[in-house]
Amino acid sequence: MKYSNIKSPFIKTQLKKTNWADRRYIDDLIHLHNFMIKGVNSYIAANLFSDLKFRYQEEYLKLIQEDIKLNPNEKRVKIYPKIINYLSKRNKNNNQSIKDDVNIEFLLKKDWTKSGGMF
């Protein structure tokens, strides 16, 4: 059975909080955790893993922290600090990009009205 074989305490906790109608969330976390533990073996799996990491960034970081505690001697644990650093930099860049887009939009609106355009 799929749900009774969950090894991650974090996913088990999320399962208890999630309704059956929202089971895709738990399924996605199970896939994400399996990719973390077993690795990726195809192009399609790599795309799915990348998508899941992006969609569930907070959960991914929690699974990383959990994996570090539960499996401290595993080889994959050594790369986790690099991943955490990368995700934090990416979030900062995304936030800056959003701010830049808002500023550009404000300046364009100002220029539009100054040039006689209707608001």
Protein backbone atom coordinates (compact mmCIF):
# COMPACT_ATOMS: atom_id res chain seq x y z
CA MET A 1 0.00 0.00 0.00
CA LYS A 2 1.16 3.45 -0.90
CA TYR A 3 0.23 5.47 2.18
CA SER A 4 0.99 2.89 4.85
CA ASN A 5 4.60 2.60 3.60
CA ILE A 6 5.47 6.28 4.12
CA LYS A 7 8.82 6.52 5.93
CA SER A 8 9.02 10.29 6.41
CA PRO A 9 7.61 11.63 9.70
CA PHE A 10 6.98 14.98 7.99
CA ILE A 11 4.85 13.41 5.26
CA LYS A 12 2.99 11.34 7.86
CA THR A 13 2.17 14.55 9.74
CA GLN A 14 0.98 16.21 6.53
CA LEU A 15 -1.13 13.13 5.73
CA LYS A 16 -2.98 13.53 9.04
CA LYS A 17 -3.78 17.16 8.13
CA THR A 18 -4.87 16.47 4.55
CA ASN A 19 -8.31 15.48 3.26
CA TRP A 20 -8.79 12.63 0.82
CA ALA A 21 -9.85 15.12 -1.86
CA ASP A 22 -6.42 16.78 -1.57
CA ARG A 23 -4.46 13.53 -1.77
CA ARG A 24 -2.48 14.77 -4.78
CA TYR A 25 -0.49 16.93 -2.35
CA ILE A 26 0.56 13.85 -0.39
CA ASP A 27 1.25 11.92 -3.60
CA ASP A 28 3.51 14.75 -4.76
CA LEU A 29 5.37 14.76 -1.44
CA ILE A 30 5.84 11.00 -1.67
CA HIS A 31 7.29 11.38 -5.19
CA LEU A 32 9.52 14.24 -4.04
CA HIS A 33 10.84 12.20 -1.12
CA ASN A 34 11.42 9.14 -3.30
CA PHE A 35 13.43 11.22 -5.77
CA MET A 36 15.49 12.56 -2.89
CA ILE A 37 16.21 9.10 -1.51
CA LYS A 38 16.49 6.97 -4.66
CA GLY A 39 17.65 9.55 -7.16
CA VAL A 40 16.48 10.33 -10.68
CA ASN A 41 16.92 7.83 -13.49
CA SER A 42 15.36 9.45 -16.55
CA TYR A 43 14.76 12.77 -18.25
CA ILE A 44 11.05 12.71 -17.42
CA ALA A 45 11.76 11.93 -13.78
CA ALA A 46 14.26 14.82 -13.67
CA ASN A 47 11.60 17.19 -15.02
CA LEU A 48 9.06 15.98 -12.47
CA PHE A 49 11.60 16.28 -9.64
CA SER A 50 12.45 19.82 -10.71
CA ASP A 51 8.77 20.75 -10.90
CA LEU A 52 8.05 19.28 -7.46
CA LYS A 53 11.03 21.07 -5.91
CA PHE A 54 9.79 24.37 -7.32
CA ARG A 55 6.12 23.82 -6.43
CA TYR A 56 6.80 22.63 -2.86
CA GLN A 57 9.87 24.61 -1.85
CA GLU A 58 9.00 24.82 1.85
CA GLU A 59 8.17 21.13 2.05
CA TYR A 60 11.36 20.27 0.16
CA LEU A 61 13.44 22.20 2.68
CA LYS A 62 11.68 20.43 5.55
CA LEU A 63 12.32 17.05 3.92
CA ILE A 64 15.98 18.01 3.52
CA GLN A 65 16.25 18.94 7.21
CA GLU A 66 14.54 15.71 8.16
CA ASP A 67 16.84 13.66 5.93
CA ILE A 68 19.91 15.32 7.45
CA LYS A 69 18.74 14.30 10.94
CA LEU A 70 17.63 10.77 10.04
CA ASN A 71 20.47 9.85 7.66
CA PRO A 72 23.50 11.94 8.63
CA ASN A 73 26.05 9.59 7.04
CA GLU A 74 24.48 9.41 3.57
CA LYS A 75 26.41 10.87 0.63
CA ARG A 76 23.45 12.95 -0.55
CA VAL A 77 23.36 14.86 2.75
CA LYS A 78 26.65 16.57 1.85
CA ILE A 79 25.06 18.37 -1.11
CA TYR A 80 22.07 19.72 0.86
CA PRO A 81 23.77 22.92 2.09
CA LYS A 82 24.47 23.83 -1.54
CA ILE A 83 20.83 23.22 -2.43
CA ILE A 84 19.58 25.32 0.49
CA ASN A 85 21.93 28.16 -0.49
CA TYR A 86 20.78 27.95 -4.12
CA LEU A 87 17.09 28.05 -3.16
CA SER A 88 17.57 31.06 -0.89
CA LYS A 89 19.45 32.94 -3.64
CA ARG A 90 16.77 32.04 -6.18
CA ASN A 91 14.03 33.31 -3.86
CA LYS A 92 15.90 36.58 -3.33
CA ASN A 93 16.35 37.00 -7.09
CA ASN A 94 12.66 36.27 -7.69
CA ASN A 95 11.63 38.84 -5.08
CA GLN A 96 13.92 41.44 -6.64
CA SER A 97 12.55 40.66 -10.09
CA ILE A 98 8.99 41.16 -8.86
CA LYS A 99 9.93 44.50 -7.30
CA ASP A 100 11.60 45.57 -10.54
CA ASP A 101 8.50 44.61 -12.54
CA VAL A 102 6.28 46.67 -10.22
CA ASN A 103 8.60 49.68 -10.53
CA ILE A 104 8.66 49.42 -14.34
CA GLU A 105 4.87 49.13 -14.42
CA PHE A 106 4.55 52.25 -12.23
CA LEU A 107 6.91 54.23 -14.46
CA LEU A 108 5.09 53.10 -17.61
CA LYS A 109 1.71 54.14 -16.17
CA LYS A 110 3.15 57.51 -15.19
CA ASP A 111 4.57 57.99 -18.69
CA TRP A 112 1.26 56.87 -20.22
CA THR A 113 -0.80 59.44 -18.35
CA LYS A 114 1.82 62.14 -18.90
CA SER A 115 1.60 61.47 -22.66
CA GLY A 116 -2.17 61.93 -22.60
CA GLY A 117 -3.25 58.33 -22.30
CA MET A 118 -6.44 57.47 -20.40
CA PHE A 119 -6.15 55.71 -17.10
